[in-house]
């Protein structure tokens, strides 16, 4: 089996999400299998932004500016989410590595609860302070009036 065929086979296994024991075997293979879903997620996120701008562009120039300003704030929230995701992965991976699935489940539950609380706080803050967020990002008064609902 040539290298391209092996790589494609691993890619499809990673996309399917089949359960795999990563504690034994090749570290290169494990890193590849774990990185594929993350890479695909980032590609889909980028595609979402492009499609969003395409359709919003049919509304108005202010709509495009609102999406652009809002995307900047969303990137900050993504950074927080990615940090929490890394922490979650570390906690759960450690417990799985210890073969303590019950503790891994408990850690995952705590992380999901914490994520829900943080998301709720950010959501409420974003809803209440949407005009201020747009103004802070440099939005003009007419842009703020038109775009605060989207934000």
Foldseek 3Di string as FASTA:
>chain_A
DDPVVVLVVLLVCLVVPDDDDQPDDDPVSVVSSVCNVVVVVVVVVVVVLVVCLVVLVVPDPLSNVLSVLVVVVVVVVVVVVVVLVVVLCVQLVVCVVVVNNVSSVVSNVVSVVVVVVVVVVVVVCLLVCLLVSCVVSPDDPVSSVVRSVVD
